[in-house]
Amino acid sequence: MSRGWFRLFGIILIAAILFSGCAQPAEKPAEKAAPAPAEKPKETAAPAPTEVDIPLGVLVDLSGPLTTYGEDIKTTVTIASEKINEHFEKAGKPYRVKIYVEDTKVDPKIALDKVMALHSKGVKLIVGPMGSGEVKNVIEYVRSNKIIIASPSSTADPKYIGVTSPEEKKYVFRFVATDSFQTKAIAKLAQELGVKAVVITYIGNAWGKGLEEFGRAEFEKLGIEVRSSVEYPDPPPADFTPYIATVEEAVNDLLKSYSKDEVAVVTFGYEEVATMLAQVKSDSVLLSVKWIGCDGTAKSKKVVEDVPDKASKIMLYSTVSETRGGKAYEELSKVYAERTGGKTPISYGLNAYDAAWVLALSFAEVYDKLGKYDADAMAETIPEVAEKYSKGEYGVEPVSGEVKFDEYNDRVGSEYRIYAVKEGSWTEVGVWKYATNSIEWS
């Protein structure tokens, strides 16, 4: 084929292609789809704060000589824990109190064992123990391990629990006034009852010895003769007859110089006073004179259940640090009565209730500030929180009156209620005021 034909074929091919392209109708450019509206981000609830447990140990006597008071404390702290958790929940706080109750029988050795067991479970805050002998036996361990304890009922002077400086008692708080206050009330009570001479019987532990020492001094200041002091062992004996005989001898000796109305037996012990009275013979001279007890005997259930007639005869006047907190006290009493068949809380229970609140609120303040628990920060914070709690700054108020501590972290007392057994029941008969050293009789 000649070169000319090649040229002609190429021209025809190109023309065909061009004609084909022009014959197709032009496509309408595709309209761009409008962008879909952006989805509104879904609102998600803020994650709930992780719950922070506040493990709170409760060391009480549930089967020994202070059972009446131990059961009282257990009930009030249980109520307190519920109220505290409601308070934190309403405030949007993650803290929740969980209580761990242990029975110590007011035995110092058992108390230490229980503190160690609670510590092994991570418990670093404890309401209790109750007795001064118990506090004395655990104080070294709690100091070494930085455990905060708040006793609602240990009243022995610091020296009787092995403390010589405030620093040694840094982690030990007592929500009750010491015996230096109580013995002033007891001596004034004896004076107003017309007593001029006494025989003291006391349990031989730190608490009992402290009461005997301070009591003797206060009686003598008011010109009341202390003929003798009779100590019995701790734990209390099952047979009190040897001690009863010694007290009888001393009372008979006093009756040579004083009338029966002018003589009293002063007992610094716990509910074992019921055992002692049960063993006093019905014709004993001891049932012809007044008896004066203390916070270890006040409102003892065992006394009015086991020896109501003898107790009524001697009246067993007993003092206990008890300042009531108005509306807060009334609200607690209502709940307490519902759970205990109409009973009312006792002073130690009131102190324990407030101790639980102060410990929990202090924990929250320290954790809010540091993001963790710190025992040293707690020790510094507790007195400040107690002051604010007393003023109602947290929206709650104390049930036992103002909570204020001295340099040894012991509560400063202001009032002591006086109870006596009348017709087989405990009756409030007066209140001693520290500010005026006077008794207002009911």
Protein backbone atom coordinates (compact mmCIF):
# COMPACT_ATOMS: atom_id res chain seq x y z
CA MET A 1 0.00 0.00 0.00
CA SER A 2 1.33 3.42 -1.00
CA ARG A 3 2.25 6.08 1.51
CA GLY A 4 -0.66 8.20 0.25
CA TRP A 5 -3.20 5.59 1.27
CA PHE A 6 -1.74 5.55 4.75
CA ARG A 7 -2.20 9.30 5.06
CA LEU A 8 -5.79 9.12 3.79
CA PHE A 9 -6.68 6.32 6.24
CA GLY A 10 -5.24 8.26 9.22
CA ILE A 11 -7.22 11.39 8.28
CA ILE A 12 -10.47 9.37 8.03
CA LEU A 13 -9.82 7.65 11.41
CA ILE A 14 -9.18 10.93 13.23
CA ALA A 15 -12.30 12.50 11.75
CA ALA A 16 -14.42 9.53 12.84
CA ILE A 17 -13.18 9.84 16.41
CA LEU A 18 -13.87 13.56 16.54
CA PHE A 19 -17.36 13.18 15.04
CA SER A 20 -18.18 10.43 17.57
CA GLY A 21 -17.19 12.67 20.54
CA CYS A 22 -19.25 15.59 19.27
CA ALA A 23 -22.35 13.45 18.71
CA GLN A 24 -22.66 12.52 22.45
CA PRO A 25 -24.84 14.93 24.46
CA ALA A 26 -22.86 16.78 27.04
CA GLU A 27 -23.38 15.37 30.55
CA LYS A 28 -24.62 17.77 33.17
CA PRO A 29 -22.00 18.12 35.75
CA ALA A 30 -23.01 16.21 38.91
CA GLU A 31 -24.12 18.47 41.72
CA LYS A 32 -22.07 18.11 44.81
CA ALA A 33 -24.08 16.66 47.65
CA ALA A 34 -24.58 19.04 50.54
CA PRO A 35 -22.43 18.02 53.43
CA ALA A 36 -24.35 16.09 56.11
CA PRO A 37 -24.85 18.08 59.25
CA ALA A 38 -22.23 17.23 61.82
CA GLU A 39 -23.53 14.97 64.54
CA LYS A 40 -23.84 16.66 67.91
CA PRO A 41 -21.50 14.96 70.30
CA LYS A 42 -23.39 12.79 72.74
CA GLU A 43 -23.35 14.13 76.28
CA THR A 44 -21.88 11.58 78.64
CA ALA A 45 -22.22 11.74 82.37
CA ALA A 46 -19.04 12.51 84.24
CA PRO A 47 -17.60 9.32 85.61
CA ALA A 48 -18.57 8.75 89.20
CA PRO A 49 -15.67 9.25 91.60
CA THR A 50 -14.12 6.05 92.82
CA GLU A 51 -15.43 5.13 96.25
CA VAL A 52 -12.90 5.65 99.02
CA ASP A 53 -13.37 3.41 102.05
CA ILE A 54 -12.78 4.68 105.56
CA PRO A 55 -12.18 1.48 107.57
CA LEU A 56 -13.13 2.27 111.17
CA GLY A 57 -12.36 -0.16 113.95
CA VAL A 58 -14.60 -0.22 117.04
CA LEU A 59 -13.06 -1.79 120.15
CA VAL A 60 -15.65 -2.32 122.88
CA ASP A 61 -16.55 -4.62 125.73
CA LEU A 62 -19.38 -6.92 124.69
CA SER A 63 -18.89 -9.69 127.24
CA GLY A 64 -16.97 -8.30 130.21
CA PRO A 65 -17.48 -5.83 133.10
CA LEU A 66 -18.46 -2.91 130.85
CA THR A 67 -20.95 -4.69 128.61
CA THR A 68 -23.72 -2.13 129.21
CA TYR A 69 -21.50 0.62 127.87
CA GLY A 70 -19.93 -1.50 125.13
CA GLU A 71 -23.30 -2.35 123.62
CA ASP A 72 -24.23 1.32 123.85
CA ILE A 73 -21.11 2.37 121.94
CA LYS A 74 -21.60 -0.30 119.29
CA THR A 75 -25.14 0.97 118.64
CA THR A 76 -24.26 4.66 118.47
CA VAL A 77 -21.24 4.14 116.21
CA THR A 78 -23.35 2.01 113.88
CA ILE A 79 -25.90 4.81 113.66
CA ALA A 80 -23.11 7.35 113.20
CA SER A 81 -21.60 5.40 110.29
CA GLU A 82 -24.95 5.40 108.50
CA LYS A 83 -25.45 9.13 109.05
CA ILE A 84 -21.89 9.90 107.97
CA ASN A 85 -22.29 7.96 104.72
CA GLU A 86 -25.54 9.79 104.00
CA HIS A 87 -23.72 13.08 104.63
CA PHE A 88 -20.90 12.24 102.20
CA GLU A 89 -23.33 11.00 99.56
CA LYS A 90 -25.38 14.20 99.66
CA ALA A 91 -22.19 16.25 99.45
CA GLY A 92 -21.02 14.28 96.38
CA LYS A 93 -18.03 12.95 98.28
CA PRO A 94 -16.71 9.44 97.53
CA TYR A 95 -15.98 8.52 101.15
CA ARG A 96 -17.79 5.64 102.84
CA VAL A 97 -17.28 4.47 106.42
CA LYS A 98 -17.09 0.73 107.03
CA ILE A 99 -16.99 -0.38 110.66
CA TYR A 100 -15.24 -3.41 112.15
CA VAL A 101 -16.48 -4.21 115.67
CA GLU A 102 -14.31 -6.24 118.05
CA ASP A 103 -14.93 -7.39 121.64
CA THR A 104 -12.02 -6.72 124.01
CA LYS A 105 -13.71 -7.59 127.34
CA VAL A 106 -11.79 -4.53 128.66
CA ASP A 107 -8.76 -6.83 128.79
CA PRO A 108 -5.53 -4.96 127.91
CA LYS A 109 -3.96 -8.01 126.26
CA ILE A 110 -7.02 -8.74 124.14
CA ALA A 111 -7.19 -5.05 123.22
CA LEU A 112 -3.64 -5.15 121.83
CA ASP A 113 -4.38 -8.36 119.92
CA LYS A 114 -7.45 -6.74 118.38
CA VAL A 115 -5.58 -3.57 117.43
CA MET A 116 -2.92 -5.66 115.69
CA ALA A 117 -5.57 -7.74 113.91
CA LEU A 118 -7.40 -4.63 112.69
CA HIS A 119 -4.11 -3.09 111.55
CA SER A 120 -3.37 -6.19 109.47
CA LYS A 121 -6.68 -5.56 107.68
CA GLY A 122 -5.68 -2.00 106.85
CA VAL A 123 -7.63 -0.30 109.63
CA LYS A 124 -5.84 2.84 110.81
CA LEU A 125 -8.68 4.61 112.62
CA ILE A 126 -10.25 3.16 115.76
CA VAL A 127 -13.01 4.24 118.12
CA GLY A 128 -11.86 2.77 121.44
CA PRO A 129 -10.64 0.95 123.35
CA MET A 130 -12.78 1.73 126.37
CA GLY A 131 -10.55 1.20 129.40
CA SER A 132 -7.49 3.18 130.41
CA GLY A 133 -5.60 -0.06 131.04
CA GLU A 134 -6.33 -1.03 127.44
CA VAL A 135 -5.15 2.34 126.13
CA LYS A 136 -1.97 2.01 128.16
CA ASN A 137 -1.27 -1.41 126.68
CA VAL A 138 -1.82 -0.41 123.04
CA ILE A 139 -0.28 3.05 123.06
CA GLU A 140 3.22 1.97 122.06
CA TYR A 141 1.92 -0.10 119.14
CA VAL A 142 -0.37 2.62 117.82
CA ARG A 143 2.41 5.17 118.14
CA SER A 144 4.89 2.99 116.26
CA ASN A 145 2.38 2.18 113.51
CA LYS A 146 0.71 5.60 113.38
CA ILE A 147 -2.77 4.35 114.15
CA ILE A 148 -5.27 6.95 115.34
CA ILE A 149 -7.37 5.84 118.29
CA ALA A 150 -10.24 7.79 119.86
CA SER A 151 -11.38 6.42 123.21
CA PRO A 152 -14.85 7.48 124.33
CA SER A 153 -14.35 6.38 127.93
CA SER A 154 -10.69 6.19 129.05
CA THR A 155 -10.33 8.78 131.80
CA ALA A 156 -7.05 8.02 133.61
CA ASP A 157 -4.56 10.85 133.91
CA PRO A 158 -1.90 10.69 131.14
CA LYS A 159 0.79 9.53 133.58
CA TYR A 160 -1.29 6.44 134.37
CA ILE A 161 -1.29 5.35 130.75
CA GLY A 162 2.47 5.74 130.45
CA VAL A 163 2.54 9.20 128.87
CA THR A 164 4.98 11.91 129.95
CA SER A 165 4.63 14.39 127.07
CA PRO A 166 1.97 15.42 124.54
CA GLU A 167 4.12 14.11 121.65
CA GLU A 168 3.91 10.58 123.08
CA LYS A 169 0.14 10.80 122.85
CA LYS A 170 0.02 12.34 119.38
CA TYR A 171 -2.17 9.62 117.85
CA VAL A 172 -4.31 8.96 120.93
CA PHE A 173 -7.41 11.11 121.42
CA ARG A 174 -9.86 10.76 124.28
CA PHE A 175 -13.36 12.12 123.81
CA VAL A 176 -13.99 12.21 127.54
CA ALA A 177 -12.59 14.36 130.33
CA THR A 178 -9.95 12.86 132.62
CA ASP A 179 -10.40 11.88 136.25
CA SER A 180 -8.96 15.17 137.47
CA PHE A 181 -12.37 16.61 136.51
CA GLN A 182 -14.51 13.70 137.68
CA THR A 183 -13.05 13.50 141.16
CA LYS A 184 -13.86 17.16 141.76
CA ALA A 185 -17.47 16.33 140.95
CA ILE A 186 -17.43 13.26 143.21
CA ALA A 187 -15.94 15.13 146.16
CA LYS A 188 -18.48 17.94 145.78
CA LEU A 189 -21.26 15.33 145.58
CA ALA A 190 -20.08 13.72 148.83
CA GLN A 191 -19.93 17.09 150.55
CA GLU A 192 -23.48 18.03 149.51
CA LEU A 193 -24.75 14.64 150.68
CA GLY A 194 -23.42 15.49 154.12
CA VAL A 195 -20.60 12.93 154.02
CA LYS A 196 -17.66 13.58 156.35
CA ALA A 197 -15.69 10.33 156.03
CA VAL A 198 -15.26 7.66 153.36
CA VAL A 199 -13.75 4.27 152.64
CA ILE A 200 -12.56 3.85 149.05
CA THR A 201 -12.60 0.55 147.17
CA TYR A 202 -11.12 0.48 143.69
CA ILE A 203 -10.01 -1.79 140.86
CA GLY A 204 -6.24 -2.09 140.63
CA ASN A 205 -5.67 -0.87 137.09
CA ALA A 206 -4.48 2.45 135.65
CA TRP A 207 -7.98 3.92 135.74
CA GLY A 208 -8.84 2.79 139.26
CA LYS A 209 -5.51 3.90 140.70
CA GLY A 210 -5.86 7.31 139.09
CA LEU A 211 -9.35 7.78 140.52
CA GLU A 212 -8.15 6.74 143.98
CA GLU A 213 -5.22 9.17 143.92
CA PHE A 214 -7.16 12.16 142.60
CA GLY A 215 -10.26 11.29 144.64
CA ARG A 216 -8.33 11.11 147.90
CA ALA A 217 -6.79 14.52 147.23
CA GLU A 218 -10.16 16.12 146.39
CA PHE A 219 -11.88 14.62 149.46
CA GLU A 220 -9.13 15.91 151.72
CA LYS A 221 -9.37 19.42 150.18
CA LEU A 222 -13.00 19.51 151.33
CA GLY A 223 -12.16 18.20 154.78
CA ILE A 224 -13.59 14.73 154.16
CA GLU A 225 -11.63 12.00 155.91
CA VAL A 226 -10.40 9.04 153.86
CA ARG A 227 -10.03 6.27 156.43
CA SER A 228 -8.62 3.65 154.03
CA SER A 229 -8.46 2.46 150.44
CA VAL A 230 -9.10 -1.17 149.51
CA GLU A 231 -7.72 -2.34 146.15
CA TYR A 232 -8.94 -5.45 144.35
CA PRO A 233 -7.34 -7.01 141.23
CA ASP A 234 -8.04 -6.52 137.55
CA PRO A 235 -9.69 -8.64 136.18
CA PRO A 236 -12.11 -8.51 139.13
CA PRO A 237 -12.32 -11.59 141.36
CA ALA A 238 -15.30 -13.89 141.44
CA ASP A 239 -15.17 -13.90 145.25
CA PHE A 240 -15.30 -10.45 146.85
CA THR A 241 -15.84 -11.61 150.43
CA PRO A 242 -12.27 -10.85 151.65
CA TYR A 243 -12.49 -7.29 150.29
CA ILE A 244 -16.01 -6.84 151.66
CA ALA A 245 -14.78 -7.85 155.13
CA THR A 246 -11.99 -5.26 154.96
CA VAL A 247 -14.39 -2.51 153.91
CA GLU A 248 -16.86 -3.50 156.64
CA GLU A 249 -14.12 -3.27 159.24
CA ALA A 250 -13.15 0.23 158.07
CA VAL A 251 -16.78 1.44 158.04
CA ASN A 252 -17.41 0.08 161.53
CA ASP A 253 -14.33 1.92 162.67
CA LEU A 254 -15.61 5.19 161.17
CA LEU A 255 -19.02 4.75 162.82
CA LYS A 256 -17.30 5.15 166.18
CA SER A 257 -16.75 8.81 165.27
CA TYR A 258 -19.44 9.59 162.71
CA SER A 259 -23.13 8.88 162.19
CA LYS A 260 -24.32 6.57 159.41
CA ASP A 261 -25.48 9.59 157.40
CA GLU A 262 -21.94 10.99 157.52
CA VAL A 263 -20.17 7.88 156.21
CA ALA A 264 -19.98 6.59 152.63
CA VAL A 265 -18.35 3.82 150.64
CA VAL A 266 -16.78 5.17 147.45
CA THR A 267 -16.37 2.60 144.70
CA PHE A 268 -14.11 3.21 141.72
CA GLY A 269 -14.89 0.20 139.58
CA TYR A 270 -17.02 -1.13 136.75
CA GLU A 271 -20.12 -3.29 136.72
CA GLU A 272 -18.44 -5.76 139.08
CA VAL A 273 -19.95 -3.57 141.81
CA ALA A 274 -23.08 -5.65 141.19
CA THR A 275 -21.14 -8.82 142.03
CA MET A 276 -19.77 -7.18 145.14
CA LEU A 277 -23.22 -6.07 146.32
CA ALA A 278 -24.66 -9.50 145.63
CA GLN A 279 -22.12 -10.93 148.10
CA VAL A 280 -22.78 -8.30 150.79
CA LYS A 281 -24.97 -9.90 153.45
CA SER A 282 -28.40 -8.37 153.98
CA ASP A 283 -27.56 -7.38 157.58
CA SER A 284 -24.16 -5.88 156.68
CA VAL A 285 -23.29 -2.42 157.94
CA LEU A 286 -22.40 -1.58 154.32
CA LEU A 287 -26.09 -1.43 153.46
CA SER A 288 -26.72 1.20 156.15
CA VAL A 289 -24.48 3.88 154.61
CA LYS A 290 -24.44 5.71 151.30
CA TRP A 291 -22.43 4.46 148.33
CA ILE A 292 -20.90 6.75 145.75
CA GLY A 293 -19.79 5.38 142.39
CA CYS A 294 -18.36 6.90 139.23
CA ASP A 295 -18.59 6.70 135.45
CA GLY A 296 -17.86 2.98 135.61
CA THR A 297 -21.08 2.33 137.53
CA ALA A 298 -23.43 5.05 136.28
CA LYS A 299 -26.56 3.57 134.66
CA SER A 300 -25.16 0.03 134.88
CA LYS A 301 -27.76 -2.41 133.60
CA LYS A 302 -26.18 -5.21 135.62
CA VAL A 303 -26.68 -3.32 138.88
CA VAL A 304 -30.44 -2.78 138.45
CA GLU A 305 -31.01 -6.26 137.02
CA ASP A 306 -28.94 -8.26 139.55
CA VAL A 307 -29.21 -6.29 142.80
CA PRO A 308 -32.06 -3.74 142.46
CA ASP A 309 -33.10 -3.84 146.14
CA LYS A 310 -29.62 -3.44 147.59
CA ALA A 311 -28.73 -0.78 145.04
CA SER A 312 -31.89 1.15 145.91
CA LYS A 313 -31.02 0.98 149.59
CA ILE A 314 -27.57 2.52 149.15
CA MET A 315 -28.68 4.57 146.09
CA LEU A 316 -25.22 4.19 144.50
CA TYR A 317 -24.87 7.84 143.45
CA SER A 318 -22.73 7.80 140.29
CA THR A 319 -21.20 10.53 138.16
CA VAL A 320 -20.52 10.52 134.43
CA SER A 321 -19.25 13.19 132.03
CA GLU A 322 -22.29 13.98 129.95
CA THR A 323 -23.10 17.19 128.14
CA ARG A 324 -26.00 16.79 125.75
CA GLY A 325 -26.08 18.43 122.34
CA GLY A 326 -29.63 19.75 122.03
CA LYS A 327 -31.41 18.91 118.77
CA ALA A 328 -28.65 16.55 117.58
CA TYR A 329 -28.96 14.59 120.82
CA GLU A 330 -32.73 14.40 120.48
CA GLU A 331 -32.49 13.09 116.91
CA LEU A 332 -29.97 10.41 117.87
CA SER A 333 -32.05 9.42 120.90
CA LYS A 334 -35.08 8.87 118.69
CA VAL A 335 -33.21 6.52 116.32
CA TYR A 336 -31.48 4.81 119.24
CA ALA A 337 -34.79 4.17 121.00
CA GLU A 338 -36.25 2.61 117.85
CA ARG A 339 -33.36 0.13 117.71
CA THR A 340 -33.10 -0.70 121.39
CA GLY A 341 -36.69 -0.95 122.48
CA GLY A 342 -37.02 2.50 123.99
CA LYS A 343 -33.62 2.90 125.67
CA THR A 344 -31.61 6.12 125.64
CA PRO A 345 -27.90 6.42 124.78
CA ILE A 346 -25.38 6.70 127.62
CA SER A 347 -22.59 9.27 127.78
CA TYR A 348 -19.88 6.95 126.41
CA GLY A 349 -22.10 6.17 123.44
CA LEU A 350 -22.59 9.88 122.83
CA ASN A 351 -18.83 10.42 122.94
CA ALA A 352 -18.28 7.52 120.53
CA TYR A 353 -20.87 8.90 118.11
CA ASP A 354 -19.05 12.23 117.98
CA ALA A 355 -15.66 10.49 117.75
CA ALA A 356 -16.79 8.60 114.64
CA TRP A 357 -17.94 11.83 113.01
CA VAL A 358 -14.74 13.72 113.83
CA LEU A 359 -12.52 10.89 112.55
CA ALA A 360 -14.47 10.54 109.30
CA LEU A 361 -14.61 14.28 108.62
CA SER A 362 -10.90 14.61 109.38
CA PHE A 363 -10.10 11.73 107.02
CA ALA A 364 -12.08 13.46 104.26
CA GLU A 365 -10.30 16.78 104.78
CA VAL A 366 -6.87 15.16 104.71
CA TYR A 367 -7.72 13.05 101.64
CA ASP A 368 -9.20 16.04 99.80
CA LYS A 369 -6.01 17.97 100.43
CA LEU A 370 -3.34 15.30 99.93
CA GLY A 371 -5.11 12.70 97.79
CA LYS A 372 -4.23 10.05 100.35
CA TYR A 373 -4.45 9.17 104.04
CA ASP A 374 -1.69 10.54 106.27
CA ALA A 375 -1.61 9.86 110.03
CA ASP A 376 0.47 12.92 110.91
CA ALA A 377 -1.85 15.19 108.95
CA MET A 378 -4.80 13.49 110.67
CA ALA A 379 -3.33 14.14 114.12
CA GLU A 380 -3.02 17.84 113.27
CA THR A 381 -6.43 18.05 111.62
CA ILE A 382 -8.58 16.33 114.27
CA PRO A 383 -8.58 19.20 116.82
CA GLU A 384 -9.44 21.69 114.05
CA VAL A 385 -12.26 19.51 112.71
CA ALA A 386 -13.57 18.95 116.25
CA GLU A 387 -13.84 22.71 116.71
CA LYS A 388 -15.65 23.20 113.39
CA TYR A 389 -17.89 20.20 114.08
CA SER A 390 -18.79 21.69 117.46
CA LYS A 391 -19.85 24.90 115.73
CA GLY A 392 -22.01 23.06 113.20
CA GLU A 393 -19.89 24.12 110.22
CA TYR A 394 -20.40 20.75 108.48
CA GLY A 395 -24.17 20.94 108.72
CA VAL A 396 -24.21 18.52 111.65
CA GLU A 397 -23.72 19.09 115.37
CA PRO A 398 -22.26 17.04 118.21
CA VAL A 399 -24.55 15.02 120.47
CA SER A 400 -22.26 15.28 123.51
CA GLY A 401 -21.72 19.03 123.55
CA GLU A 402 -18.60 20.95 122.58
CA VAL A 403 -15.62 18.79 121.64
CA LYS A 404 -12.41 20.53 122.64
CA PHE A 405 -9.03 19.00 123.47
CA ASP A 406 -6.18 19.99 125.77
CA GLU A 407 -2.49 19.68 124.88
CA TYR A 408 -2.62 15.92 125.56
CA ASN A 409 -5.53 15.41 123.14
CA ASP A 410 -7.84 14.78 126.09
CA ARG A 411 -11.25 16.36 126.14
CA VAL A 412 -11.90 19.33 128.38
CA GLY A 413 -14.96 18.48 130.46
CA SER A 414 -17.63 20.84 131.68
CA GLU A 415 -20.52 18.84 133.15
CA TYR A 416 -21.07 15.58 135.04
CA ARG A 417 -24.53 14.07 135.33
CA ILE A 418 -25.36 12.45 138.67
CA TYR A 419 -27.48 9.30 138.68
CA ALA A 420 -28.83 7.28 141.60
CA VAL A 421 -30.80 4.06 141.94
CA LYS A 422 -34.33 4.66 143.17
CA GLU A 423 -36.92 1.89 143.39
CA GLY A 424 -34.78 -0.37 141.25
CA SER A 425 -34.14 2.08 138.41
CA TRP A 426 -31.52 4.64 137.52
CA THR A 427 -32.72 8.21 137.93
CA GLU A 428 -30.92 11.43 137.07
CA VAL A 429 -30.77 13.49 140.27
CA GLY A 430 -28.47 16.36 139.38
CA VAL A 431 -25.64 17.82 137.33
CA TRP A 432 -22.25 19.15 138.45
CA LYS A 433 -20.96 22.26 136.66
CA TYR A 434 -17.20 22.63 136.36
CA ALA A 435 -17.32 26.40 135.82
CA THR A 436 -18.89 27.00 139.24
CA ASN A 437 -18.03 23.76 141.06
CA SER A 438 -21.66 23.49 142.01
CA ILE A 439 -24.44 20.91 141.71
CA GLU A 440 -27.87 21.66 140.31
CA TRP A 441 -30.20 19.08 141.82
CA SER A 442 -33.12 17.80 139.78
